[in-house]
C-alpha atoms as a PDB file:
ATOM      1  CA  MET A   1      88.727-104.705  60.891  1.00  0.00           C
ATOM      2  CA  GLU A   2      86.534-104.031  57.751  1.00  0.00           C
ATOM      3  CA  VAL A   3      86.689-102.062  54.493  1.00  0.00           C
ATOM      4  CA  GLU A   4      85.042 -98.897  55.329  1.00  0.00           C
ATOM      5  CA  TYR A   5      85.292 -97.942  51.673  1.00  0.00           C
ATOM      6  CA  TYR A   6      86.959 -99.136  47.801  1.00  0.00           C
ATOM      7  CA  LYS A   7      86.436 -97.858  44.719  1.00  0.00           C
ATOM      8  CA  LEU A   8      88.090 -99.778  41.351  1.00  0.00           C
ATOM      9  CA  LEU A   9      89.007 -98.030  38.182  1.00  0.00           C
ATOM     10  CA  SER A  10      90.056 -98.928  35.379  1.00  0.00           C
ATOM     11  CA  VAL A  11      93.119 -97.014  33.571  1.00  0.00           C
ATOM     12  CA  ASP A  12      93.309 -97.315  29.765  1.00  0.00           C
ATOM     13  CA  ASN A  13      96.166 -95.726  28.380  1.00  0.00           C
ATOM     14  CA  THR A  14      95.361 -96.875  24.935  1.00  0.00           C
ATOM     15  CA  THR A  15      91.970 -95.002  24.984  1.00  0.00           C
ATOM     16  CA  ASN A  16      92.747 -92.539  27.177  1.00  0.00           C
ATOM     17  CA  LEU A  17      89.893 -93.057  29.680  1.00  0.00           C
ATOM     18  CA  VAL A  18      89.596 -93.981  33.274  1.00  0.00           C
ATOM     19  CA  ALA A  19      85.923 -95.589  34.389  1.00  0.00           C
ATOM     20  CA  PHE A  20      84.477 -96.671  37.514  1.00  0.00           C
ATOM     21  CA  GLU A  21      84.059-100.700  37.583  1.00  0.00           C
ATOM     22  CA  ASP A  22      81.403-102.374  39.460  1.00  0.00           C
ATOM     23  CA  PHE A  23      80.685-106.007  40.077  1.00  0.00           C
ATOM     24  CA  ASP A  24      77.745-107.932  41.011  1.00  0.00           C
ATOM     25  CA  ASN A  25      79.569-110.197  43.936  1.00  0.00           C
ATOM     26  CA  THR A  26      80.772-107.477  45.857  1.00  0.00           C
ATOM     27  CA  GLN A  27      81.642-110.230  48.644  1.00  0.00           C
ATOM     28  CA  ASN A  28      84.088-111.558  45.924  1.00  0.00           C
ATOM     29  CA  ILE A  29      85.377-108.018  45.964  1.00  0.00           C
ATOM     30  CA  ILE A  30      85.759-107.440  49.647  1.00  0.00           C
ATOM     31  CA  GLU A  31      87.584-110.546  50.001  1.00  0.00           C
ATOM     32  CA  TYR A  32      89.951-109.710  46.984  1.00  0.00           C
ATOM     33  CA  ILE A  33      90.543-106.491  49.015  1.00  0.00           C
ATOM     34  CA  TRP A  34      91.496-108.041  52.118  1.00  0.00           C
ATOM     35  CA  ASP A  35      93.821-110.556  50.047  1.00  0.00           C
ATOM     36  CA  ILE A  36      95.910-107.402  48.644  1.00  0.00           C
ATOM     37  CA  ILE A  37      95.606-105.769  52.035  1.00  0.00           C
ATOM     38  CA  ASN A  38      97.334-108.468  53.839  1.00  0.00           C
ATOM     39  CA  ASN A  39     100.170-109.056  51.511  1.00  0.00           C
ATOM     40  CA  CYS A  40     100.846-105.498  51.829  1.00  0.00           C
ATOM     41  CA  VAL A  41     100.830-105.455  55.154  1.00  0.00           C
ATOM     42  CA  SER A  42     102.734-108.884  55.410  1.00  0.00           C
ATOM     43  CA  SER A  43     105.300-107.284  53.275  1.00  0.00           C
ATOM     44  CA  GLU A  44     107.975-104.732  54.624  1.00  0.00           C
ATOM     45  CA  GLY A  45     108.033-102.450  51.524  1.00  0.00           C
ATOM     46  CA  ASP A  46     110.450-101.708  49.347  1.00  0.00           C
ATOM     47  CA  ARG A  47     111.255 -98.092  50.716  1.00  0.00           C
ATOM     48  CA  GLU A  48     109.849 -95.792  53.103  1.00  0.00           C
ATOM     49  CA  TYR A  49     108.428 -92.268  52.003  1.00  0.00           C
ATOM     50  CA  LEU A  50     107.376 -89.013  52.762  1.00  0.00           C
ATOM     51  CA  PHE A  51     105.233 -86.367  50.707  1.00  0.00           C
ATOM     52  CA  GLU A  52     106.885 -84.156  48.606  1.00  0.00           C
ATOM     53  CA  PRO A  53     106.369 -80.852  50.774  1.00  0.00           C
ATOM     54  CA  SER A  54     106.335 -78.929  47.727  1.00  0.00           C
ATOM     55  CA  LEU A  55     103.751 -81.166  45.481  1.00  0.00           C
ATOM     56  CA  GLN A  56     100.031 -81.022  47.402  1.00  0.00           C
ATOM     57  CA  THR A  57      97.868 -82.649  44.729  1.00  0.00           C
ATOM     58  CA  MET A  58      98.294 -86.524  46.344  1.00  0.00           C
ATOM     59  CA  GLN A  59      98.284 -85.802  49.839  1.00  0.00           C
ATOM     60  CA  ASN A  60      95.301 -83.242  49.605  1.00  0.00           C
ATOM     61  CA  HIS A  61      93.230 -86.177  47.819  1.00  0.00           C
ATOM     62  CA  ILE A  62      94.175 -88.684  50.175  1.00  0.00           C
ATOM     63  CA  ASN A  63      93.390 -86.066  52.670  1.00  0.00           C
ATOM     64  CA  ASP A  64      90.185 -86.246  51.775  1.00  0.00           C
ATOM     65  CA  ILE A  65      89.366 -90.195  51.194  1.00  0.00           C
ATOM     66  CA  ILE A  66      90.639 -90.402  54.825  1.00  0.00           C
ATOM     67  CA  ILE A  67      87.942 -87.680  55.746  1.00  0.00           C
ATOM     68  CA  ASN A  68      85.591 -88.533  53.597  1.00  0.00           C
ATOM     69  CA  ASN A  69      85.127 -85.771  50.915  1.00  0.00           C
ATOM     70  CA  ASN A  70      83.829 -86.341  47.989  1.00  0.00           C
ATOM     71  CA  ARG A  71      85.595 -90.380  47.542  1.00  0.00           C
ATOM     72  CA  ASP A  72      84.287 -90.959  44.645  1.00  0.00           C
ATOM     73  CA  GLN A  73      85.319 -87.420  43.032  1.00  0.00           C
ATOM     74  CA  ILE A  74      88.578 -88.070  44.302  1.00  0.00           C
ATOM     75  CA  CYS A  75      89.369 -91.230  43.619  1.00  0.00           C
ATOM     76  CA  GLU A  76      88.200 -90.240  39.677  1.00  0.00           C
ATOM     77  CA  GLN A  77      90.831 -87.260  39.770  1.00  0.00           C
ATOM     78  CA  VAL A  78      93.444 -89.684  41.113  1.00  0.00           C
ATOM     79  CA  ALA A  79      92.918 -92.260  38.300  1.00  0.00           C
ATOM     80  CA  LYS A  80      93.080 -89.679  35.854  1.00  0.00           C
ATOM     81  CA  LYS A  81      96.296 -88.572  37.166  1.00  0.00           C
ATOM     82  CA  LEU A  82      97.656 -91.799  37.151  1.00  0.00           C
ATOM     83  CA  LEU A  83      96.492 -92.318  33.870  1.00  0.00           C
ATOM     84  CA  ALA A  84      98.739 -88.629  32.370  1.00  0.00           C
ATOM     85  CA  VAL A  85     101.436 -90.052  34.169  1.00  0.00           C
ATOM     86  CA  GLU A  86     101.807 -93.302  32.162  1.00  0.00           C
ATOM     87  CA  ARG A  87     100.784 -91.821  28.954  1.00  0.00           C
ATOM     88  CA  ASP A  88     103.575 -89.412  29.220  1.00  0.00           C
ATOM     89  CA  ILE A  89     105.594 -92.640  30.276  1.00  0.00           C
ATOM     90  CA  ASN A  90     104.506 -94.610  27.081  1.00  0.00           C
ATOM     91  CA  ILE A  91     105.203 -91.866  24.986  1.00  0.00           C
ATOM     92  CA  ARG A  92     109.398 -92.210  26.593  1.00  0.00           C
ATOM     93  CA  ILE A  93     109.602 -95.388  26.064  1.00  0.00           C
ATOM     94  CA  ALA A  94     107.521 -96.069  22.792  1.00  0.00           C
ATOM     95  CA  HIS A  95     111.372 -96.666  21.352  1.00  0.00           C
ATOM     96  CA  MET A  96     112.071 -99.687  23.044  1.00  0.00           C
ATOM     97  CA  ASP A  97     108.710-101.171  22.126  1.00  0.00           C
ATOM     98  CA  LYS A  98     107.433-100.986  25.387  1.00  0.00           C
ATOM     99  CA  LYS A  99     104.223 -99.799  26.836  1.00  0.00           C
ATOM    100  CA  ILE A 100     102.365 -99.857  30.481  1.00  0.00           C
ATOM    101  CA  PRO A 101      99.024-101.648  30.025  1.00  0.00           C
ATOM    102  CA  LYS A 102      96.074-101.203  30.644  1.00  0.00           C
ATOM    103  CA  GLY A 103      95.559-101.336  34.429  1.00  0.00           C
ATOM    104  CA  MET A 104      92.899-101.919  37.270  1.00  0.00           C
ATOM    105  CA  LEU A 105      93.549 -99.134  39.945  1.00  0.00           C
ATOM    106  CA  MET A 106      91.989 -99.763  43.393  1.00  0.00           C
ATOM    107  CA  ILE A 107      91.822 -97.090  46.761  1.00  0.00           C
ATOM    108  CA  SER A 108      90.620 -98.436  49.793  1.00  0.00           C
ATOM    109  CA  TYR A 109      90.659 -97.470  53.060  1.00  0.00           C
ATOM    110  CA  ALA A 110      90.596-100.335  55.688  1.00  0.00           C
ATOM    111  CA  LYS A 111      89.751-100.144  59.681  1.00  0.00           C
ATOM    112  CA  MET A 112      92.113-102.170  61.741  1.00  0.00           C
ATOM    113  CA  THR A 113      91.951-101.368  65.476  1.00  0.00           C
ATOM    114  CA  ASP A 114      89.948 -98.537  66.686  1.00  0.00           C
ATOM    115  CA  SER A 115      92.518 -95.880  66.534  1.00  0.00           C
ATOM    116  CA  ASP A 116      94.257 -97.527  63.263  1.00  0.00           C
ATOM    117  CA  TYR A 117      94.097 -96.815  59.756  1.00  0.00           C
ATOM    118  CA  LYS A 118      95.127 -97.900  56.249  1.00  0.00           C
ATOM    119  CA  VAL A 119      94.984 -96.101  53.311  1.00  0.00           C
ATOM    120  CA  ILE A 120      96.005 -98.291  49.771  1.00  0.00           C
ATOM    121  CA  ILE A 121      96.443 -97.514  46.299  1.00  0.00           C
ATOM    122  CA  THR A 122      97.338-100.452  44.485  1.00  0.00           C
ATOM    123  CA  LYS A 123      97.489-101.275  40.630  1.00  0.00           C
ATOM    124  CA  ALA A 124      97.076-104.330  39.006  1.00  0.00           C
ATOM    125  CA  ASP A 125      97.528-105.540  35.010  1.00  0.00           C
ATOM    126  CA  TYR A 126      93.857-105.069  33.987  1.00  0.00           C
ATOM    127  CA  THR A 127      94.259-108.940  32.139  1.00  0.00           C
ATOM    128  CA  GLU A 128      94.773-109.880  35.154  1.00  0.00           C
ATOM    129  CA  PHE A 129      92.435-108.618  37.143  1.00  0.00           C
ATOM    130  CA  ILE A 130      88.653-109.898  38.352  1.00  0.00           C
ATOM    131  CA  GLU A 131      86.529-110.127  35.202  1.00  0.00           C
ATOM    132  CA  GLU A 132      84.690-107.287  34.262  1.00  0.00           C
ATOM    133  CA  LEU A 133      81.170-108.486  34.592  1.00  0.00           C
ATOM    134  CA  SER A 134      80.482-111.292  37.157  1.00  0.00           C
ATOM    135  CA  GLY A 135      83.060-110.263  39.435  1.00  0.00           C
ATOM    136  CA  ASN A 136      84.384-114.003  39.682  1.00  0.00           C
ATOM    137  CA  LYS A 137      87.945-114.704  40.020  1.00  0.00           C
ATOM    138  CA  LYS A 138      88.421-116.347  37.171  1.00  0.00           C
ATOM    139  CA  SER A 139      91.234-114.475  35.138  1.00  0.00           C
ATOM    140  CA  GLY A 140      91.811-112.965  38.690  1.00  0.00           C
ATOM    141  CA  LEU A 141      94.161-110.498  40.595  1.00  0.00           C
ATOM    142  CA  PRO A 142      97.217-112.045  40.971  1.00  0.00           C
ATOM    143  CA  THR A 143      97.157-112.274  45.068  1.00  0.00           C
ATOM    144  CA  LYS A 144      99.500-114.897  45.303  1.00  0.00           C
ATOM    145  CA  LYS A 145     101.097-114.129  42.165  1.00  0.00           C
ATOM    146  CA  LYS A 146     101.411-110.327  43.651  1.00  0.00           C
ATOM    147  CA  ILE A 147     101.946-108.548  40.189  1.00  0.00           C
ATOM    148  CA  PHE A 148     101.245-104.883  41.186  1.00  0.00           C
ATOM    149  CA  LYS A 149     102.616-101.835  42.312  1.00  0.00           C
ATOM    150  CA  SER A 150     100.916-100.383  45.858  1.00  0.00           C
ATOM    151  CA  PHE A 151     101.255 -97.315  48.269  1.00  0.00           C
ATOM    152  CA  ILE A 152     100.203 -98.396  51.745  1.00  0.00           C
ATOM    153  CA  MET A 153      99.635 -95.147  54.403  1.00  0.00           C
ATOM    154  CA  ASN A 154      98.962 -95.795  57.878  1.00  0.00           C
ATOM    155  CA  VAL A 155      96.694 -93.601  59.832  1.00  0.00           C
ATOM    156  CA  THR A 156      96.040 -92.621  63.397  1.00  0.00           C
ATOM    157  CA  ILE A 157      92.779 -91.519  64.018  1.00  0.00           C
ATOM    158  CA  ASP A 158      92.569 -89.581  67.398  1.00  0.00           C
ATOM    159  CA  ASP A 159      90.600 -85.919  67.478  1.00  0.00           C
ATOM    160  CA  GLY A 160      91.973 -85.909  63.755  1.00  0.00           C
ATOM    161  CA  TYR A 161      94.654 -88.130  62.567  1.00  0.00           C
ATOM    162  CA  GLU A 162      98.077 -88.416  62.435  1.00  0.00           C
ATOM    163  CA  ILE A 163      99.968 -89.893  59.437  1.00  0.00           C
ATOM    164  CA  GLY A 164     102.175 -92.933  60.190  1.00  0.00           C
ATOM    165  CA  THR A 165     104.720 -94.795  58.097  1.00  0.00           C
ATOM    166  CA  ILE A 166     104.059 -94.798  54.012  1.00  0.00           C
ATOM    167  CA  LEU A 167     105.446 -98.055  52.155  1.00  0.00           C
ATOM    168  CA  THR A 168     105.694 -98.804  48.314  1.00  0.00           C
ATOM    169  CA  TYR A 169     105.662-102.348  47.120  1.00  0.00           C
ATOM    170  CA  ASP A 170     106.626-103.053  43.750  1.00  0.00           C
ATOM    171  CA  SER A 171     106.323-106.437  42.470  1.00  0.00           C
ATOM    172  CA  ASN A 172     108.711-105.806  39.741  1.00  0.00           C
ATOM    173  CA  THR A 173     112.052-106.963  40.973  1.00  0.00           C
ATOM    174  CA  THR A 174     114.318-105.594  38.170  1.00  0.00           C
ATOM    175  CA  THR A 175     112.974-102.595  37.641  1.00  0.00           C
ATOM    176  CA  LYS A 176     111.520 -99.934  39.840  1.00  0.00           C
ATOM    177  CA  ALA A 177     109.126 -98.069  38.902  1.00  0.00           C
ATOM    178  CA  VAL A 178     110.074 -94.385  39.965  1.00  0.00           C
ATOM    179  CA  TYR A 179     107.219 -93.006  38.280  1.00  0.00           C
ATOM    180  CA  TRP A 180     104.618 -94.766  40.235  1.00  0.00           C
ATOM    181  CA  TRP A 181     106.096 -93.066  43.665  1.00  0.00           C
ATOM    182  CA  LYS A 182     107.484 -89.829  42.660  1.00  0.00           C
ATOM    183  CA  THR A 183     105.686 -88.643  39.940  1.00  0.00           C
ATOM    184  CA  PHE A 184     102.063 -90.356  40.735  1.00  0.00           C
ATOM    185  CA  LEU A 185     102.265 -90.285  44.666  1.00  0.00           C
ATOM    186  CA  GLU A 186     104.420 -87.528  45.043  1.00  0.00           C
ATOM    187  CA  LEU A 187     106.728 -88.939  47.212  1.00  0.00           C
ATOM    188  CA  LYS A 188     110.161 -88.458  48.455  1.00  0.00           C
ATOM    189  CA  GLU A 189     112.796 -91.001  49.943  1.00  0.00           C
ATOM    190  CA  VAL A 190     113.431 -90.395  53.768  1.00  0.00           C
ATOM    191  CA  ARG A 191     116.931 -91.978  53.200  1.00  0.00           C
ATOM    192  CA  ASP A 192     118.628 -91.231  49.873  1.00  0.00           C
ATOM    193  CA  ASP A 193     120.822 -93.964  48.376  1.00  0.00           C
ATOM    194  CA  GLU A 194     123.813 -92.552  50.207  1.00  0.00           C
ATOM    195  CA  LEU A 195     122.642 -92.883  53.545  1.00  0.00           C
ATOM    196  CA  ASN A 196     120.794 -96.269  52.838  1.00  0.00           C
ATOM    197  CA  THR A 197     124.561 -97.415  51.682  1.00  0.00           C
ATOM    198  CA  LEU A 198     126.226 -96.538  54.755  1.00  0.00           C
ATOM    199  CA  ASN A 199     123.701 -97.387  57.743  1.00  0.00           C
ATOM    200  CA  ALA A 200     122.993-100.988  55.413  1.00  0.00           C
ATOM    201  CA  TYR A 201     126.779-101.803  55.274  1.00  0.00           C
ATOM    202  CA  ARG A 202     127.843-100.327  58.806  1.00  0.00           C
ATOM    203  CA  ALA A 203     124.703-102.592  60.194  1.00  0.00           C
ATOM    204  CA  ILE A 204     125.675-106.007  58.638  1.00  0.00           C
ATOM    205  CA  LYS A 205     129.390-105.218  59.447  1.00  0.00           C
ATOM    206  CA  ASN A 206     129.166-104.106  63.084  1.00  0.00           C
ATOM    207  CA  VAL A 207     126.061-106.613  64.073  1.00  0.00           C
ATOM    208  CA  ILE A 208     126.775-109.726  61.641  1.00  0.00           C
ATOM    209  CA  LEU A 209     130.405-109.890  60.870  1.00  0.00           C
ATOM    210  CA  LYS A 210     132.176-108.695  63.638  1.00  0.00           C
ATOM    211  CA  PRO A 211     130.792-111.136  66.087  1.00  0.00           C
ATOM    212  CA  ILE A 212     131.880-114.383  64.149  1.00  0.00           C
ATOM    213  CA  SER A 213     135.182-112.546  63.511  1.00  0.00           C
ATOM    214  CA  GLN A 214     136.831-114.381  66.677  1.00  0.00           C
ATOM    215  CA  LYS A 215     135.288-118.250  66.807  1.00  0.00           C
ATOM    216  CA  HIS A 216     134.812-118.785  63.017  1.00  0.00           C
ATOM    217  CA  LYS A 217     137.916-116.646  61.579  1.00  0.00           C
ATOM    218  CA  GLN A 218     138.063-118.480  57.940  1.00  0.00           C
ATOM    219  CA  ASP A 219     134.235-118.159  57.576  1.00  0.00           C
ATOM    220  CA  TYR A 220     134.193-114.181  58.842  1.00  0.00           C
ATOM    221  CA  LEU A 221     137.324-113.728  56.388  1.00  0.00           C
ATOM    222  CA  CYS A 222     134.988-115.297  53.680  1.00  0.00           C
ATOM    223  CA  LEU A 223     131.789-113.379  54.520  1.00  0.00           C
ATOM    224  CA  ARG A 224     133.194-110.009  54.887  1.00  0.00           C
ATOM    225  CA  ASN A 225     135.041-110.226  51.486  1.00  0.00           C
ATOM    226  CA  LEU A 226     131.508-111.687  50.139  1.00  0.00           C
ATOM    227  CA  THR A 227     130.251-108.391  51.610  1.00  0.00           C
ATOM    228  CA  ILE A 228     132.440-105.836  50.568  1.00  0.00           C
ATOM    229  CA  ALA A 229     132.536-107.138  46.733  1.00  0.00           C
ATOM    230  CA  TYR A 230     128.557-106.928  46.971  1.00  0.00           C
ATOM    231  CA  PHE A 231     128.468-103.425  48.537  1.00  0.00           C
ATOM    232  CA  ARG A 232     131.649-102.175  45.890  1.00  0.00           C
ATOM    233  CA  GLY A 233     129.423-103.898  43.183  1.00  0.00           C
ATOM    234  CA  GLU A 234     126.926-101.557  41.048  1.00  0.00           C
ATOM    235  CA  GLY A 235     123.428-102.075  41.494  1.00  0.00           C
ATOM    236  CA  GLU A 236     120.582-102.431  43.807  1.00  0.00           C
ATOM    237  CA  PHE A 237     120.998-103.228  46.771  1.00  0.00           C
ATOM    238  CA  ASP A 238     118.099-106.330  48.115  1.00  0.00           C
ATOM    239  CA  LEU A 239     117.757-107.186  51.731  1.00  0.00           C
ATOM    240  CA  LYS A 240     116.067-110.408  50.593  1.00  0.00           C
ATOM    241  CA  HIS A 241     118.660-111.232  47.725  1.00  0.00           C
ATOM    242  CA  TYR A 242     121.734-110.723  49.866  1.00  0.00           C
ATOM    243  CA  LYS A 243     120.305-112.442  52.703  1.00  0.00           C
ATOM    244  CA  ASP A 244     119.131-115.590  50.974  1.00  0.00           C
ATOM    245  CA  ASP A 245     121.867-115.370  48.061  1.00  0.00           C
ATOM    246  CA  ILE A 246     124.873-113.759  48.893  1.00  0.00           C
ATOM    247  CA  ILE A 247     124.738-114.948  52.813  1.00  0.00           C
ATOM    248  CA  GLY A 248     122.472-117.901  52.552  1.00  0.00           C
ATOM    249  CA  SER A 249     124.088-120.327  49.948  1.00  0.00           C
ATOM    250  CA  TYR A 250     127.486-119.611  51.158  1.00  0.00           C
ATOM    251  CA  HIS A 251     128.893-123.188  52.961  1.00  0.00           C
ATOM    252  CA  PRO A 252     131.036-122.270  56.145  1.00  0.00           C
ATOM    253  CA  PHE A 253     134.312-124.029  56.926  1.00  0.00           C
ATOM    254  CA  ASP A 254     132.867-124.203  60.509  1.00  0.00           C
ATOM    255  CA  SER A 255     130.055-126.647  61.177  1.00  0.00           C
ATOM    256  CA  THR A 256     128.945-124.582  64.376  1.00  0.00           C
ATOM    257  CA  LEU A 257     128.755-121.368  62.444  1.00  0.00           C
ATOM    258  CA  LYS A 258     124.969-120.958  61.469  1.00  0.00           C
ATOM    259  CA  ILE A 259     123.902-119.363  58.301  1.00  0.00           C
ATOM    260  CA  SER A 260     120.142-119.743  59.229  1.00  0.00           C
ATOM    261  CA  ASP A 261     121.182-117.564  62.358  1.00  0.00           C
ATOM    262  CA  LEU A 262     122.482-114.692  60.247  1.00  0.00           C
ATOM    263  CA  LYS A 263     119.733-114.659  58.110  1.00  0.00           C
ATOM    264  CA  VAL A 264     117.240-114.070  60.936  1.00  0.00           C
ATOM    265  CA  LYS A 265     119.495-111.423  62.129  1.00  0.00           C
ATOM    266  CA  ILE A 266     119.963-109.500  58.916  1.00  0.00           C
ATOM    267  CA  GLU A 267     116.230-109.329  58.768  1.00  0.00           C
ATOM    268  CA  LYS A 268     116.335-107.213  61.920  1.00  0.00           C
ATOM    269  CA  LEU A 269     118.376-105.078  60.733  1.00  0.00           C
ATOM    270  CA  PRO A 270     116.291-102.292  58.345  1.00  0.00           C
ATOM    271  CA  GLN A 271     114.272-101.004  61.442  1.00  0.00           C
ATOM    272  CA  LYS A 272     116.756-100.848  64.115  1.00  0.00           C
ATOM    273  CA  TYR A 273     119.821 -99.719  62.127  1.00  0.00           C
ATOM    274  CA  HIS A 274     117.425 -97.552  59.529  1.00  0.00           C
ATOM    275  CA  PHE A 275     118.019 -98.506  56.427  1.00  0.00           C
ATOM    276  CA  ASP A 276     115.625 -99.214  53.098  1.00  0.00           C
ATOM    277  CA  LEU A 277     114.768-103.174  52.012  1.00  0.00           C
ATOM    278  CA  VAL A 278     115.614-101.918  48.332  1.00  0.00           C
ATOM    279  CA  PHE A 279     117.981 -99.098  46.797  1.00  0.00           C
ATOM    280  CA  GLN A 280     120.692 -98.529  44.531  1.00  0.00           C
ATOM    281  CA  LYS A 281     124.214 -98.755  45.933  1.00  0.00           C
ATOM    282  CA  LYS A 282     126.715 -96.105  46.098  1.00  0.00           C
ATOM    283  CA  PRO A 283     129.982 -98.069  46.357  1.00  0.00           C
ATOM    284  CA  ASP A 284     132.317 -95.326  46.981  1.00  0.00           C
ATOM    285  CA  VAL A 285     130.493 -95.116  50.526  1.00  0.00           C
ATOM    286  CA  VAL A 286     131.816 -98.106  51.230  1.00  0.00           C
ATOM    287  CA  LYS A 287     135.768 -97.404  52.121  1.00  0.00           C
ATOM    288  CA  ASP A 288     137.220-100.916  53.719  1.00  0.00           C
ATOM    289  CA  LYS A 289     139.184-102.685  51.540  1.00  0.00           C
ATOM    290  CA  PHE A 290     139.319-106.136  50.301  1.00  0.00           C
ATOM    291  CA  LYS A 291     141.648-108.395  52.528  1.00  0.00           C
ATOM    292  CA  ASP A 292     143.709-109.524  49.683  1.00  0.00           C
ATOM    293  CA  VAL A 293     146.767-111.750  51.499  1.00  0.00           C
ATOM    294  CA  ILE A 294     145.731-114.843  53.413  1.00  0.00           C
ATOM    295  CA  PRO A 295     147.946-117.059  55.073  1.00  0.00           C
ATOM    296  CA  LEU A 296     148.250-120.475  53.804  1.00  0.00           C
ATOM    297  CA  THR A 297     151.574-121.793  55.494  1.00  0.00           C
ATOM    298  CA  ASP A 298     154.200-120.550  56.513  1.00  0.00           C
ATOM    299  CA  GLU A 299     156.376-120.460  53.157  1.00  0.00           C
ATOM    300  CA  ILE A 300     152.683-119.826  50.309  1.00  0.00           C
ATOM    301  CA  ASP A 301     150.065-116.570  50.673  1.00  0.00           C
ATOM    302  CA  LEU A 302     146.819-116.417  48.561  1.00  0.00           C
ATOM    303  CA  LYS A 303     147.311-113.140  47.208  1.00  0.00           C
ATOM    304  CA  ILE A 304     143.793-111.667  45.631  1.00  0.00           C
ATOM    305  CA  LYS A 305     144.181-108.516  43.927  1.00  0.00           C
ATOM    306  CA  GLN A 306     140.614-107.414  42.737  1.00  0.00           C
ATOM    307  CA  ASP A 307     137.150-107.889  44.653  1.00  0.00           C
ATOM    308  CA  ILE A 308     135.381-111.163  43.657  1.00  0.00           C
ATOM    309  CA  LEU A 309     131.576-111.580  43.299  1.00  0.00           C
ATOM    310  CA  ASP A 310     130.520-114.834  44.592  1.00  0.00           C
ATOM    311  CA  ILE A 311     134.188-115.868  45.337  1.00  0.00           C
ATOM    312  CA  SER A 312     133.127-119.086  47.065  1.00  0.00           C
ATOM    313  CA  LYS A 313     132.869-120.200  43.522  1.00  0.00           C
ATOM    314  CA  ILE A 314     136.461-119.542  42.799  1.00  0.00           C
ATOM    315  CA  ILE A 315     138.035-120.801  46.307  1.00  0.00           C
ATOM    316  CA  LYS A 316     136.666-124.284  47.545  1.00  0.00           C
ATOM    317  CA  SER A 317     138.028-126.261  50.410  1.00  0.00           C
ATOM    318  CA  LYS A 318     139.134-129.959  49.769  1.00  0.00           C
ATOM    319  CA  LYS A 319     139.407-132.728  52.752  1.00  0.00           C
ATOM    320  CA  ASP A 320     140.757-135.804  51.855  1.00  0.00           C
ATOM    321  CA  ASP A 321     139.986-138.789  53.853  1.00  0.00           C
ATOM    322  CA  GLU A 322     143.238-138.836  55.597  1.00  0.00           C
ATOM    323  CA  GLY A 323     142.036-135.645  57.461  1.00  0.00           C
ATOM    324  CA  ASN A 324     144.549-133.557  55.167  1.00  0.00           C
ATOM    325  CA  LYS A 325     142.829-130.033  54.100  1.00  0.00           C
ATOM    326  CA  TYR A 326     143.342-128.616  51.349  1.00  0.00           C
ATOM    327  CA  ILE A 327     142.466-125.566  49.092  1.00  0.00           C
ATOM    328  CA  MET A 328     141.068-125.704  45.623  1.00  0.00           C
ATOM    329  CA  ILE A 329     140.757-122.897  43.376  1.00  0.00           C
ATOM    330  CA  LEU A 330     139.642-123.010  40.087  1.00  0.00           C
ATOM    331  CA  SER A 331     142.713-121.340  37.347  1.00  0.00           C
ATOM    332  CA  GLN A 332     143.777-122.764  34.335  1.00  0.00           C
ATOM    333  CA  GLU A 333     146.789-121.526  34.718  1.00  0.00           C
ATOM    334  CA  GLY A 334     147.598-122.966  38.434  1.00  0.00           C
ATOM    335  CA  TYR A 335     146.367-126.059  37.332  1.00  0.00           C
ATOM    336  CA  GLU A 336     148.815-126.838  34.451  1.00  0.00           C
ATOM    337  CA  TYR A 337     151.560-125.518  36.832  1.00  0.00           C
ATOM    338  CA  ALA A 338     150.508-128.222  39.555  1.00  0.00           C
ATOM    339  CA  GLU A 339     150.388-130.287  36.863  1.00  0.00           C
ATOM    340  CA  GLY A 340     153.850-129.759  35.910  1.00  0.00           C
ATOM    341  CA  LEU A 341     154.842-130.299  39.601  1.00  0.00           C
ATOM    342  CA  GLN A 342     153.543-133.636  39.782  1.00  0.00           C
ATOM    343  CA  ARG A 343     154.840-134.599  36.436  1.00  0.00           C
ATOM    344  CA  ASN A 344     158.777-133.230  37.060  1.00  0.00           C
ATOM    345  CA  GLN A 345     158.433-135.357  40.623  1.00  0.00           C
ATOM    346  CA  ASP A 346     157.145-138.582  38.554  1.00  0.00           C
ATOM    347  CA  GLU A 347     159.781-138.559  36.568  1.00  0.00           C
END
């Protein structure tokens, strides 16, 4: 593996300037670049993209970087494009008392194997970057914190070149910057949010939930309802959150059900069933209804009237010292009713 080319440019939308940054300690820079590459390569990215066919600027710039056509000049043009995009965003968000800070842009071209290469464009907060003059990792770019945005494009060289998978990574887990991939990089999503929602839900339903429906009926019901509640809620689908927090925090009724095994299966779903790791959910796509009646005894059913996110915090199991099994429901009114029954019995 070898870094064949790299450039570092500061992008300052306060002074409206871009500038090439040079450091004495080039070995430190190379090590840093590999840290970033390894972080990017090891991550699965947020979404998969294609170049927007109606826009050619960034695709042409990246083509020039690959074929070694005026690379330095092209990198400067890329940095100026980012500067213009960020300046426009800062105008739009000025009323929110927010601002995109000065950043460091890294553009690199790395050889991974004899025929496989990667083009990586990474943006980090300048104040978190390598100390400006010495190149020492004093303040340091946050390779461990991963406080950056990146574009990673796979390239295969063989009598010309072929573009492979294009991924982006945004360390901001709450608000993904649309300007980064759409306006600056001129990309479009391979799959829209509706298709992502449909593919993800179907994969989880058929591969994760259905196989446990016979041997672990209670847990199947709970996990099915948790999943439907999550998909039918507004906001962002995040595979890691679903895997670790929705499924990973669940405590099964049946101890033979291994949640860790389900998590491993969940990790493998996106590639095989074609959905992104992060996307905006489209709740209307999920047509399955929340199962709302749970038989408790021959005389009593539990009826759930609407979806409940984190239902396991509301309904819990209980087993006493004699082995009797109960259901506990967080309810002020239910508590007062049961307390009245107990009081009447005591009288």
